[in-house]
Amino acid sequence: MTSAPQRPEPPYRRILAEFRDRILTGDLRPGDRVPSIRQIAQRSGVAVATATKVVAALRDEGLVEARVGAGTVVSAGASRAERPADPPPLPKRRQAGVPKGSLNREHVLRTAIAIADSEGLDAVSMRRLAVELGSGPMSLYRHVRGKDELVTQMADEVFGETELPVPGPEGWRAKLELISRRQWELCRRHPWLPRAISFTRPLMVPNMMAHTEWTLRALDGLGLPMDIRIREALTLPAMVHAVALSLAEEAEAERETGVTLDGWWLLQHKQADNLLNSGRFPLLAMVPKETVSDLDGMFDYILARHLEGFAVLLTRVVTARPQ
């Protein structure tokens, strides 16, 4: 009698184990910068969504953290001597057939978030959620009134994953950079998030409102009128989500076609080379290909330019203020 062939380990778990081992053994030391999601995807030959899942798991295990001005780095004390021998188990989706009466709002939201993370927001429905939870669809309506409310509560639940320090780093610029990077991390971890948020019809839910309140507090004492402060508090997340929409579109394209971004570029290679080598676009021909697809680099650039522009505005407002 022969045993069934062993299934290969999923790339996500293999890459996660490699980084975990490098951190715990000291190959990557506290404060060292971790490769970006795009770099992990390129080096390991996996989709961006897979690399995003790896970084999110490392963060959930406390091995890495986002640091203002440095990106994602190894957390302080992330060594084998200071941590348990085995990492905490990865969160799993709730299994079907749960005991009656054990279903609660957190189960519903976390299961819906897991579906959206892996399959996109369009895959979330009350019927699909009921199947995942092993319950009848009508039982879900005790916790949410329908998909619109479900998506709103999912977004608020996700915003609650980020702890906002009080009072936060010194200076308005460091504070604004911190909250922007925290929200960028959320979009990296949950690519569907930008599609769940409207800036013309803002969601009145506590965790998202806490982010806005924290931003307004970061601008306290600068002499800015409230209309400028609230516009800045709305502009920052709008800017983050505008860049992050490309993450959602890329994740959706990879799910639908099975072709990663790097694979897509390879398919376009011949046509792109013909155009760029024609002499019609000499400046475009000089652009490094990796720059175009580096969304982390794009986000860093946009955030830095925005904060520099806001500093100019702040100087003008203070200078124009009656003495």
C-alpha atoms as a PDB file:
ATOM      1  CA  MET A   1       0.000   0.000   0.000  1.00  0.00           C
ATOM      2  CA  THR A   2       1.484   3.308  -1.002  1.00  0.00           C
ATOM      3  CA  SER A   3       0.878   6.590   0.734  1.00  0.00           C
ATOM      4  CA  ALA A   4      -0.602   9.557  -1.070  1.00  0.00           C
ATOM      5  CA  PRO A   5       1.989  11.967  -2.436  1.00  0.00           C
ATOM      6  CA  GLN A   6       2.718  14.834  -0.074  1.00  0.00           C
ATOM      7  CA  ARG A   7       1.385  18.175  -1.251  1.00  0.00           C
ATOM      8  CA  PRO A   8       4.045  20.856  -1.675  1.00  0.00           C
ATOM      9  CA  GLU A   9       4.122  23.577   0.935  1.00  0.00           C
ATOM     10  CA  PRO A  10       2.292  26.734  -0.192  1.00  0.00           C
ATOM     11  CA  PRO A  11       4.719  29.488  -1.263  1.00  0.00           C
ATOM     12  CA  TYR A  12       3.233  31.835   1.336  1.00  0.00           C
ATOM     13  CA  ARG A  13       4.163  29.563   4.233  1.00  0.00           C
ATOM     14  CA  ARG A  14       7.599  28.779   2.792  1.00  0.00           C
ATOM     15  CA  ILE A  15       8.514  32.467   2.380  1.00  0.00           C
ATOM     16  CA  LEU A  16       7.085  33.323   5.789  1.00  0.00           C
ATOM     17  CA  ALA A  17       9.159  30.571   7.410  1.00  0.00           C
ATOM     18  CA  GLU A  18      12.320  31.819   5.675  1.00  0.00           C
ATOM     19  CA  PHE A  19      11.886  35.386   6.933  1.00  0.00           C
ATOM     20  CA  ARG A  20      10.856  34.214  10.387  1.00  0.00           C
ATOM     21  CA  ASP A  21      14.002  32.082  10.609  1.00  0.00           C
ATOM     22  CA  ARG A  22      16.251  34.919   9.401  1.00  0.00           C
ATOM     23  CA  ILE A  23      14.820  37.240  12.041  1.00  0.00           C
ATOM     24  CA  LEU A  24      14.864  34.779  14.935  1.00  0.00           C
ATOM     25  CA  THR A  25      18.431  33.655  14.203  1.00  0.00           C
ATOM     26  CA  GLY A  26      19.711  37.227  13.948  1.00  0.00           C
ATOM     27  CA  ASP A  27      20.452  37.240  10.229  1.00  0.00           C
ATOM     28  CA  LEU A  28      18.033  40.172  10.120  1.00  0.00           C
ATOM     29  CA  ARG A  29      18.588  42.231  13.264  1.00  0.00           C
ATOM     30  CA  PRO A  30      16.270  44.682  15.068  1.00  0.00           C
ATOM     31  CA  GLY A  31      16.057  47.883  13.055  1.00  0.00           C
ATOM     32  CA  ASP A  32      17.118  46.246   9.765  1.00  0.00           C
ATOM     33  CA  ARG A  33      14.859  47.155   6.878  1.00  0.00           C
ATOM     34  CA  VAL A  34      12.795  44.274   5.499  1.00  0.00           C
ATOM     35  CA  PRO A  35      12.508  43.959   1.695  1.00  0.00           C
ATOM     36  CA  SER A  36       9.428  45.672   0.310  1.00  0.00           C
ATOM     37  CA  ILE A  37       6.401  43.668  -0.769  1.00  0.00           C
ATOM     38  CA  ARG A  38       7.309  44.273  -4.409  1.00  0.00           C
ATOM     39  CA  GLN A  39      10.882  43.061  -3.793  1.00  0.00           C
ATOM     40  CA  ILE A  40       9.660  39.914  -2.019  1.00  0.00           C
ATOM     41  CA  ALA A  41       7.294  39.173  -4.901  1.00  0.00           C
ATOM     42  CA  GLN A  42      10.045  39.640  -7.487  1.00  0.00           C
ATOM     43  CA  ARG A  43      12.733  37.665  -5.655  1.00  0.00           C
ATOM     44  CA  SER A  44      10.446  34.771  -4.749  1.00  0.00           C
ATOM     45  CA  GLY A  45       8.496  34.675  -8.010  1.00  0.00           C
ATOM     46  CA  VAL A  46       5.107  35.032  -6.323  1.00  0.00           C
ATOM     47  CA  ALA A  47       2.141  37.355  -6.697  1.00  0.00           C
ATOM     48  CA  VAL A  48       2.039  40.681  -4.878  1.00  0.00           C
ATOM     49  CA  ALA A  49      -0.959  39.423  -2.891  1.00  0.00           C
ATOM     50  CA  THR A  50       1.146  36.508  -1.601  1.00  0.00           C
ATOM     51  CA  ALA A  51       4.013  38.797  -0.602  1.00  0.00           C
ATOM     52  CA  THR A  52       1.528  41.116   1.125  1.00  0.00           C
ATOM     53  CA  LYS A  53       0.216  38.171   3.127  1.00  0.00           C
ATOM     54  CA  VAL A  54       3.775  37.307   4.216  1.00  0.00           C
ATOM     55  CA  VAL A  55       4.511  40.812   5.527  1.00  0.00           C
ATOM     56  CA  ALA A  56       1.121  40.997   7.265  1.00  0.00           C
ATOM     57  CA  ALA A  57       1.799  37.677   9.043  1.00  0.00           C
ATOM     58  CA  LEU A  58       5.260  38.850  10.159  1.00  0.00           C
ATOM     59  CA  ARG A  59       3.647  41.991  11.542  1.00  0.00           C
ATOM     60  CA  ASP A  60       0.923  39.995  13.307  1.00  0.00           C
ATOM     61  CA  GLU A  61       3.630  37.855  14.951  1.00  0.00           C
ATOM     62  CA  GLY A  62       5.376  40.995  16.202  1.00  0.00           C
ATOM     63  CA  LEU A  63       8.516  40.336  14.163  1.00  0.00           C
ATOM     64  CA  VAL A  64       8.355  43.479  12.022  1.00  0.00           C
ATOM     65  CA  GLU A  65       6.884  46.949  12.418  1.00  0.00           C
ATOM     66  CA  ALA A  66       6.457  50.114  10.386  1.00  0.00           C
ATOM     67  CA  ARG A  67       8.803  52.905  11.384  1.00  0.00           C
ATOM     68  CA  VAL A  68       8.414  56.513  10.307  1.00  0.00           C
ATOM     69  CA  GLY A  69      11.015  57.384   7.684  1.00  0.00           C
ATOM     70  CA  ALA A  70      12.335  53.818   7.434  1.00  0.00           C
ATOM     71  CA  GLY A  71       9.486  51.668   6.139  1.00  0.00           C
ATOM     72  CA  THR A  72       9.047  48.113   7.488  1.00  0.00           C
ATOM     73  CA  VAL A  73      11.863  47.062   9.832  1.00  0.00           C
ATOM     74  CA  VAL A  74      12.608  44.179  12.208  1.00  0.00           C
ATOM     75  CA  SER A  75      11.005  44.863  15.590  1.00  0.00           C
ATOM     76  CA  ALA A  76      13.082  45.533  18.674  1.00  0.00           C
ATOM     77  CA  GLY A  77      13.680  42.338  20.648  1.00  0.00           C
ATOM     78  CA  ALA A  78      12.746  40.080  17.710  1.00  0.00           C
ATOM     79  CA  SER A  79      15.320  37.413  18.526  1.00  0.00           C
ATOM     80  CA  ARG A  80      14.985  33.758  19.476  1.00  0.00           C
ATOM     81  CA  ALA A  81      16.291  34.415  22.972  1.00  0.00           C
ATOM     82  CA  GLU A  82      13.454  36.805  23.743  1.00  0.00           C
ATOM     83  CA  ARG A  83      10.614  34.995  21.971  1.00  0.00           C
ATOM     84  CA  PRO A  84       8.891  31.628  22.399  1.00  0.00           C
ATOM     85  CA  ALA A  85      10.354  28.742  20.433  1.00  0.00           C
ATOM     86  CA  ASP A  86       7.270  28.372  18.281  1.00  0.00           C
ATOM     87  CA  PRO A  87       5.442  31.314  16.713  1.00  0.00           C
ATOM     88  CA  PRO A  88       1.752  31.742  17.440  1.00  0.00           C
ATOM     89  CA  PRO A  89      -0.512  29.839  15.063  1.00  0.00           C
ATOM     90  CA  LEU A  90      -1.736  31.706  12.039  1.00  0.00           C
ATOM     91  CA  PRO A  91      -5.392  32.769  12.223  1.00  0.00           C
ATOM     92  CA  LYS A  92      -7.767  30.396  10.481  1.00  0.00           C
ATOM     93  CA  ARG A  93     -11.182  30.932   9.069  1.00  0.00           C
ATOM     94  CA  ARG A  94     -14.064  29.790  11.167  1.00  0.00           C
ATOM     95  CA  GLN A  95     -15.112  26.272  10.173  1.00  0.00           C
ATOM     96  CA  ALA A  96     -18.595  25.260   9.137  1.00  0.00           C
ATOM     97  CA  GLY A  97     -20.861  23.592  11.654  1.00  0.00           C
ATOM     98  CA  VAL A  98     -20.073  25.756  14.681  1.00  0.00           C
ATOM     99  CA  PRO A  99     -22.160  25.181  17.797  1.00  0.00           C
ATOM    100  CA  LYS A 100     -25.479  26.960  17.742  1.00  0.00           C
ATOM    101  CA  GLY A 101     -25.415  30.246  19.607  1.00  0.00           C
ATOM    102  CA  SER A 102     -21.645  30.771  19.284  1.00  0.00           C
ATOM    103  CA  LEU A 103     -21.962  33.067  16.272  1.00  0.00           C
ATOM    104  CA  ASN A 104     -21.247  36.704  17.106  1.00  0.00           C
ATOM    105  CA  ARG A 105     -20.459  39.973  15.368  1.00  0.00           C
ATOM    106  CA  GLU A 106     -16.689  39.472  15.535  1.00  0.00           C
ATOM    107  CA  HIS A 107     -16.962  36.021  13.924  1.00  0.00           C
ATOM    108  CA  VAL A 108     -19.075  37.460  11.139  1.00  0.00           C
ATOM    109  CA  LEU A 109     -16.767  40.403  10.427  1.00  0.00           C
ATOM    110  CA  ARG A 110     -13.505  38.472  10.656  1.00  0.00           C
ATOM    111  CA  THR A 111     -14.795  35.756   8.325  1.00  0.00           C
ATOM    112  CA  ALA A 112     -16.012  38.350   5.827  1.00  0.00           C
ATOM    113  CA  ILE A 113     -12.634  40.118   5.992  1.00  0.00           C
ATOM    114  CA  ALA A 114     -10.818  36.826   5.357  1.00  0.00           C
ATOM    115  CA  ILE A 115     -12.951  36.217   2.256  1.00  0.00           C
ATOM    116  CA  ALA A 116     -12.318  39.747   0.946  1.00  0.00           C
ATOM    117  CA  ASP A 117      -8.570  39.483   1.641  1.00  0.00           C
ATOM    118  CA  SER A 118      -8.184  36.304  -0.370  1.00  0.00           C
ATOM    119  CA  GLU A 119     -10.872  36.680  -3.045  1.00  0.00           C
ATOM    120  CA  GLY A 120     -11.802  40.352  -3.247  1.00  0.00           C
ATOM    121  CA  LEU A 121     -14.755  42.391  -2.043  1.00  0.00           C
ATOM    122  CA  ASP A 122     -17.081  41.106  -4.774  1.00  0.00           C
ATOM    123  CA  ALA A 123     -16.777  37.600  -3.315  1.00  0.00           C
ATOM    124  CA  VAL A 124     -18.375  38.743  -0.058  1.00  0.00           C
ATOM    125  CA  SER A 125     -22.102  38.116   0.152  1.00  0.00           C
ATOM    126  CA  MET A 126     -24.500  37.165   2.912  1.00  0.00           C
ATOM    127  CA  ARG A 127     -25.022  33.740   1.337  1.00  0.00           C
ATOM    128  CA  ARG A 128     -21.281  33.078   0.940  1.00  0.00           C
ATOM    129  CA  LEU A 129     -20.664  34.238   4.490  1.00  0.00           C
ATOM    130  CA  ALA A 130     -23.341  31.906   5.810  1.00  0.00           C
ATOM    131  CA  VAL A 131     -21.691  28.969   4.031  1.00  0.00           C
ATOM    132  CA  GLU A 132     -18.289  29.830   5.547  1.00  0.00           C
ATOM    133  CA  LEU A 133     -19.805  30.125   9.015  1.00  0.00           C
ATOM    134  CA  GLY A 134     -21.965  27.026   8.716  1.00  0.00           C
ATOM    135  CA  SER A 135     -25.127  28.916   9.547  1.00  0.00           C
ATOM    136  CA  GLY A 136     -28.320  29.962   7.822  1.00  0.00           C
ATOM    137  CA  PRO A 137     -28.236  33.289   5.919  1.00  0.00           C
ATOM    138  CA  MET A 138     -31.075  34.673   8.032  1.00  0.00           C
ATOM    139  CA  SER A 139     -29.054  34.222  11.221  1.00  0.00           C
ATOM    140  CA  LEU A 140     -26.530  36.786   9.953  1.00  0.00           C
ATOM    141  CA  TYR A 141     -29.150  39.529   9.903  1.00  0.00           C
ATOM    142  CA  ARG A 142     -29.072  39.582  13.696  1.00  0.00           C
ATOM    143  CA  HIS A 143     -25.574  41.067  13.370  1.00  0.00           C
ATOM    144  CA  VAL A 144     -25.722  43.130  10.143  1.00  0.00           C
ATOM    145  CA  ARG A 145     -28.685  44.386   8.110  1.00  0.00           C
ATOM    146  CA  GLY A 146     -27.196  43.535   4.724  1.00  0.00           C
ATOM    147  CA  LYS A 147     -24.081  43.718   2.579  1.00  0.00           C
ATOM    148  CA  ASP A 148     -23.787  47.526   2.666  1.00  0.00           C
ATOM    149  CA  GLU A 149     -23.686  47.552   6.451  1.00  0.00           C
ATOM    150  CA  LEU A 150     -21.440  44.492   6.453  1.00  0.00           C
ATOM    151  CA  VAL A 151     -18.830  46.224   4.258  1.00  0.00           C
ATOM    152  CA  THR A 152     -19.010  49.358   6.429  1.00  0.00           C
ATOM    153  CA  GLN A 153     -18.433  47.328   9.579  1.00  0.00           C
ATOM    154  CA  MET A 154     -15.619  45.367   7.897  1.00  0.00           C
ATOM    155  CA  ALA A 155     -13.834  48.625   7.069  1.00  0.00           C
ATOM    156  CA  ASP A 156     -14.261  49.907  10.601  1.00  0.00           C
ATOM    157  CA  GLU A 157     -13.000  46.610  12.029  1.00  0.00           C
ATOM    158  CA  VAL A 158      -9.896  46.852   9.859  1.00  0.00           C
ATOM    159  CA  PHE A 159      -9.193  50.439  10.955  1.00  0.00           C
ATOM    160  CA  GLY A 160      -9.336  49.172  14.526  1.00  0.00           C
ATOM    161  CA  GLU A 161      -6.320  46.925  13.857  1.00  0.00           C
ATOM    162  CA  THR A 162      -4.016  49.952  13.972  1.00  0.00           C
ATOM    163  CA  GLU A 163      -3.007  51.456  17.296  1.00  0.00           C
ATOM    164  CA  LEU A 164      -2.522  55.217  17.163  1.00  0.00           C
ATOM    165  CA  PRO A 165      -0.020  56.367  19.816  1.00  0.00           C
ATOM    166  CA  VAL A 166      -0.953  59.199  22.146  1.00  0.00           C
ATOM    167  CA  PRO A 167       0.420  61.784  21.839  1.00  0.00           C
ATOM    168  CA  GLY A 168       2.513  60.279  19.029  1.00  0.00           C
ATOM    169  CA  PRO A 169       5.897  61.372  17.675  1.00  0.00           C
ATOM    170  CA  GLU A 170       7.134  64.941  18.085  1.00  0.00           C
ATOM    171  CA  GLY A 171       6.067  67.425  15.425  1.00  0.00           C
ATOM    172  CA  TRP A 172       3.157  67.652  13.001  1.00  0.00           C
ATOM    173  CA  ARG A 173       5.085  66.180  10.058  1.00  0.00           C
ATOM    174  CA  ALA A 174       6.129  63.024  11.921  1.00  0.00           C
ATOM    175  CA  LYS A 175       2.536  62.564  13.106  1.00  0.00           C
ATOM    176  CA  LEU A 176       1.052  62.943   9.627  1.00  0.00           C
ATOM    177  CA  GLU A 177       3.641  60.577   8.172  1.00  0.00           C
ATOM    178  CA  LEU A 178       2.925  58.008  10.874  1.00  0.00           C
ATOM    179  CA  ILE A 179      -0.837  57.896  10.339  1.00  0.00           C
ATOM    180  CA  SER A 180      -0.419  57.850   6.546  1.00  0.00           C
ATOM    181  CA  ARG A 181       1.943  54.881   6.738  1.00  0.00           C
ATOM    182  CA  ARG A 182      -0.339  53.069   9.181  1.00  0.00           C
ATOM    183  CA  GLN A 183      -3.205  53.445   6.706  1.00  0.00           C
ATOM    184  CA  TRP A 184      -0.975  52.358   3.808  1.00  0.00           C
ATOM    185  CA  GLU A 185      -0.150  49.202   5.767  1.00  0.00           C
ATOM    186  CA  LEU A 186      -3.869  48.533   6.226  1.00  0.00           C
ATOM    187  CA  CYS A 187      -4.410  48.858   2.476  1.00  0.00           C
ATOM    188  CA  ARG A 188      -1.453  46.559   1.842  1.00  0.00           C
ATOM    189  CA  ARG A 189      -2.935  43.986   4.197  1.00  0.00           C
ATOM    190  CA  HIS A 190      -6.504  44.428   2.938  1.00  0.00           C
ATOM    191  CA  PRO A 191      -6.375  45.503  -0.741  1.00  0.00           C
ATOM    192  CA  TRP A 192     -10.176  45.797  -0.916  1.00  0.00           C
ATOM    193  CA  LEU A 193     -10.265  48.558   1.731  1.00  0.00           C
ATOM    194  CA  PRO A 194     -10.124  51.620  -0.604  1.00  0.00           C
ATOM    195  CA  ARG A 195     -13.231  50.357  -2.428  1.00  0.00           C
ATOM    196  CA  ALA A 196     -15.149  50.298   0.856  1.00  0.00           C
ATOM    197  CA  ILE A 197     -14.583  53.970   1.693  1.00  0.00           C
ATOM    198  CA  SER A 198     -16.237  57.122   0.357  1.00  0.00           C
ATOM    199  CA  PHE A 199     -14.970  60.624   1.024  1.00  0.00           C
ATOM    200  CA  THR A 200     -18.150  62.301  -0.210  1.00  0.00           C
ATOM    201  CA  ARG A 201     -20.352  60.080   1.965  1.00  0.00           C
ATOM    202  CA  PRO A 202     -18.061  59.395   4.941  1.00  0.00           C
ATOM    203  CA  LEU A 203     -18.776  56.400   7.151  1.00  0.00           C
ATOM    204  CA  MET A 204     -19.824  57.381  10.672  1.00  0.00           C
ATOM    205  CA  VAL A 205     -18.143  54.526  12.507  1.00  0.00           C
ATOM    206  CA  PRO A 206     -15.872  54.831  15.564  1.00  0.00           C
ATOM    207  CA  ASN A 207     -12.531  53.417  14.430  1.00  0.00           C
ATOM    208  CA  MET A 208     -12.425  55.408  11.215  1.00  0.00           C
ATOM    209  CA  MET A 209     -13.552  58.549  13.025  1.00  0.00           C
ATOM    210  CA  ALA A 210     -10.737  57.983  15.535  1.00  0.00           C
ATOM    211  CA  HIS A 211      -8.212  58.230  12.676  1.00  0.00           C
ATOM    212  CA  THR A 212      -9.699  61.559  11.587  1.00  0.00           C
ATOM    213  CA  GLU A 213      -9.774  62.866  15.162  1.00  0.00           C
ATOM    214  CA  TRP A 214      -6.127  61.838  15.680  1.00  0.00           C
ATOM    215  CA  THR A 215      -5.107  63.710  12.525  1.00  0.00           C
ATOM    216  CA  LEU A 216      -6.975  66.834  13.600  1.00  0.00           C
ATOM    217  CA  ARG A 217      -5.237  66.658  16.978  1.00  0.00           C
ATOM    218  CA  ALA A 218      -1.873  66.374  15.204  1.00  0.00           C
ATOM    219  CA  LEU A 219      -2.581  69.790  13.662  1.00  0.00           C
ATOM    220  CA  ASP A 220      -3.510  71.432  16.956  1.00  0.00           C
ATOM    221  CA  GLY A 221      -1.585  74.529  17.963  1.00  0.00           C
ATOM    222  CA  LEU A 222      -0.390  75.419  14.457  1.00  0.00           C
ATOM    223  CA  GLY A 223      -2.730  78.356  14.004  1.00  0.00           C
ATOM    224  CA  LEU A 224      -4.636  76.709  11.158  1.00  0.00           C
ATOM    225  CA  PRO A 225      -8.360  77.366  10.701  1.00  0.00           C
ATOM    226  CA  MET A 226     -10.600  74.333  11.085  1.00  0.00           C
ATOM    227  CA  ASP A 227     -11.509  74.212   7.380  1.00  0.00           C
ATOM    228  CA  ILE A 228      -7.845  73.664   6.440  1.00  0.00           C
ATOM    229  CA  ARG A 229      -7.372  71.135   9.236  1.00  0.00           C
ATOM    230  CA  ILE A 230     -10.347  69.016   8.174  1.00  0.00           C
ATOM    231  CA  ARG A 231      -9.354  69.199   4.517  1.00  0.00           C
ATOM    232  CA  GLU A 232      -5.902  67.936   5.436  1.00  0.00           C
ATOM    233  CA  ALA A 233      -7.417  65.193   7.601  1.00  0.00           C
ATOM    234  CA  LEU A 234      -9.444  64.042   4.583  1.00  0.00           C
ATOM    235  CA  THR A 235      -6.747  64.608   1.947  1.00  0.00           C
ATOM    236  CA  LEU A 236      -4.210  62.314   3.609  1.00  0.00           C
ATOM    237  CA  PRO A 237      -6.346  59.134   3.560  1.00  0.00           C
ATOM    238  CA  ALA A 238      -7.717  60.050   0.120  1.00  0.00           C
ATOM    239  CA  MET A 239      -4.130  60.202  -1.149  1.00  0.00           C
ATOM    240  CA  VAL A 240      -3.283  56.865   0.472  1.00  0.00           C
ATOM    241  CA  HIS A 241      -6.348  55.171  -0.962  1.00  0.00           C
ATOM    242  CA  ALA A 242      -5.832  56.641  -4.435  1.00  0.00           C
ATOM    243  CA  VAL A 243      -2.463  54.877  -4.662  1.00  0.00           C
ATOM    244  CA  ALA A 244      -3.840  51.780  -2.936  1.00  0.00           C
ATOM    245  CA  LEU A 245      -6.576  51.368  -5.542  1.00  0.00           C
ATOM    246  CA  SER A 246      -3.820  50.112  -7.832  1.00  0.00           C
ATOM    247  CA  LEU A 247      -3.142  47.394  -5.261  1.00  0.00           C
ATOM    248  CA  ALA A 248      -6.785  46.308  -5.395  1.00  0.00           C
ATOM    249  CA  GLU A 249      -6.832  46.370  -9.195  1.00  0.00           C
ATOM    250  CA  GLU A 250      -3.598  44.377  -9.394  1.00  0.00           C
ATOM    251  CA  ALA A 251      -4.828  41.766  -6.903  1.00  0.00           C
ATOM    252  CA  GLU A 252      -8.074  41.422  -8.857  1.00  0.00           C
ATOM    253  CA  ALA A 253      -6.211  41.094 -12.170  1.00  0.00           C
ATOM    254  CA  GLU A 254      -3.977  38.375 -10.729  1.00  0.00           C
ATOM    255  CA  ARG A 255      -6.994  36.450  -9.397  1.00  0.00           C
ATOM    256  CA  GLU A 256      -8.864  36.681 -12.697  1.00  0.00           C
ATOM    257  CA  THR A 257      -5.980  35.935 -15.066  1.00  0.00           C
ATOM    258  CA  GLY A 258      -3.531  33.997 -12.909  1.00  0.00           C
ATOM    259  CA  VAL A 259      -0.792  36.247 -14.315  1.00  0.00           C
ATOM    260  CA  THR A 260       1.370  38.220 -11.881  1.00  0.00           C
ATOM    261  CA  LEU A 261       2.438  41.781 -12.648  1.00  0.00           C
ATOM    262  CA  ASP A 262       5.940  40.574 -13.510  1.00  0.00           C
ATOM    263  CA  GLY A 263       4.416  37.955 -15.788  1.00  0.00           C
ATOM    264  CA  TRP A 264       2.268  40.595 -17.452  1.00  0.00           C
ATOM    265  CA  TRP A 265       5.325  42.745 -18.143  1.00  0.00           C
ATOM    266  CA  LEU A 266       7.079  39.763 -19.695  1.00  0.00           C
ATOM    267  CA  LEU A 267       4.124  39.297 -22.031  1.00  0.00           C
ATOM    268  CA  GLN A 268       4.339  42.986 -22.998  1.00  0.00           C
ATOM    269  CA  HIS A 269       8.113  42.841 -23.383  1.00  0.00           C
ATOM    270  CA  LYS A 270       8.297  42.634 -27.170  1.00  0.00           C
ATOM    271  CA  GLN A 271       5.799  45.399 -27.848  1.00  0.00           C
ATOM    272  CA  ALA A 272       7.330  47.647 -25.184  1.00  0.00           C
ATOM    273  CA  ASP A 273      10.845  47.130 -26.543  1.00  0.00           C
ATOM    274  CA  ASN A 274       9.720  47.912 -30.099  1.00  0.00           C
ATOM    275  CA  LEU A 275       8.173  51.198 -28.985  1.00  0.00           C
ATOM    276  CA  LEU A 276      10.980  52.224 -26.655  1.00  0.00           C
ATOM    277  CA  ASN A 277      13.712  51.334 -29.161  1.00  0.00           C
ATOM    278  CA  SER A 278      12.000  53.211 -31.985  1.00  0.00           C
ATOM    279  CA  GLY A 279      13.542  56.501 -30.930  1.00  0.00           C
ATOM    280  CA  ARG A 280      10.135  58.171 -30.581  1.00  0.00           C
ATOM    281  CA  PHE A 281      10.224  58.094 -26.774  1.00  0.00           C
ATOM    282  CA  PRO A 282      13.858  58.662 -25.709  1.00  0.00           C
ATOM    283  CA  LEU A 283      13.033  59.839 -22.196  1.00  0.00           C
ATOM    284  CA  LEU A 284      10.608  57.007 -21.486  1.00  0.00           C
ATOM    285  CA  ALA A 285      13.284  54.576 -22.700  1.00  0.00           C
ATOM    286  CA  MET A 286      15.529  55.777 -19.861  1.00  0.00           C
ATOM    287  CA  VAL A 287      12.990  54.959 -17.111  1.00  0.00           C
ATOM    288  CA  PRO A 288      13.928  51.852 -15.043  1.00  0.00           C
ATOM    289  CA  LYS A 289      11.134  49.299 -15.446  1.00  0.00           C
ATOM    290  CA  GLU A 290      11.002  48.512 -11.737  1.00  0.00           C
ATOM    291  CA  THR A 291      10.218  52.163 -10.941  1.00  0.00           C
ATOM    292  CA  VAL A 292       6.893  52.031 -12.757  1.00  0.00           C
ATOM    293  CA  SER A 293       5.582  49.037 -10.791  1.00  0.00           C
ATOM    294  CA  ASP A 294       7.021  50.029  -7.386  1.00  0.00           C
ATOM    295  CA  LEU A 295       3.890  51.183  -5.577  1.00  0.00           C
ATOM    296  CA  ASP A 296       5.725  51.468  -2.259  1.00  0.00           C
ATOM    297  CA  GLY A 297       8.184  53.845  -3.897  1.00  0.00           C
ATOM    298  CA  MET A 298       5.313  55.754  -5.499  1.00  0.00           C
ATOM    299  CA  PHE A 299       3.583  56.090  -2.141  1.00  0.00           C
ATOM    300  CA  ASP A 300       6.806  57.318  -0.480  1.00  0.00           C
ATOM    301  CA  TYR A 301       7.277  59.910  -3.220  1.00  0.00           C
ATOM    302  CA  ILE A 302       3.702  61.219  -3.110  1.00  0.00           C
ATOM    303  CA  LEU A 303       3.655  61.395   0.688  1.00  0.00           C
ATOM    304  CA  ALA A 304       6.964  63.294   0.842  1.00  0.00           C
ATOM    305  CA  ARG A 305       5.898  65.795  -1.819  1.00  0.00           C
ATOM    306  CA  HIS A 306       2.535  66.343  -0.119  1.00  0.00           C
ATOM    307  CA  LEU A 307       4.089  67.001   3.294  1.00  0.00           C
ATOM    308  CA  GLU A 308       6.590  69.409   1.751  1.00  0.00           C
ATOM    309  CA  GLY A 309       3.724  71.291   0.107  1.00  0.00           C
ATOM    310  CA  PHE A 310       1.756  71.373   3.362  1.00  0.00           C
ATOM    311  CA  ALA A 311       4.792  72.838   5.124  1.00  0.00           C
ATOM    312  CA  VAL A 312       4.788  75.687   2.586  1.00  0.00           C
ATOM    313  CA  LEU A 313       1.063  76.277   3.180  1.00  0.00           C
ATOM    314  CA  LEU A 314       1.615  76.293   6.939  1.00  0.00           C
ATOM    315  CA  THR A 315       4.362  78.907   6.603  1.00  0.00           C
ATOM    316  CA  ARG A 316       2.106  81.122   4.494  1.00  0.00           C
ATOM    317  CA  VAL A 317      -0.793  80.876   6.942  1.00  0.00           C
ATOM    318  CA  VAL A 318       1.401  81.662   9.930  1.00  0.00           C
ATOM    319  CA  THR A 319       3.066  84.579   8.101  1.00  0.00           C
ATOM    320  CA  ALA A 320      -0.291  86.055   7.050  1.00  0.00           C
ATOM    321  CA  ARG A 321      -1.752  85.793  10.535  1.00  0.00           C
ATOM    322  CA  PRO A 322      -2.182  89.199  12.252  1.00  0.00           C
ATOM    323  CA  GLN A 323       0.466  89.788  14.891  1.00  0.00           C
END
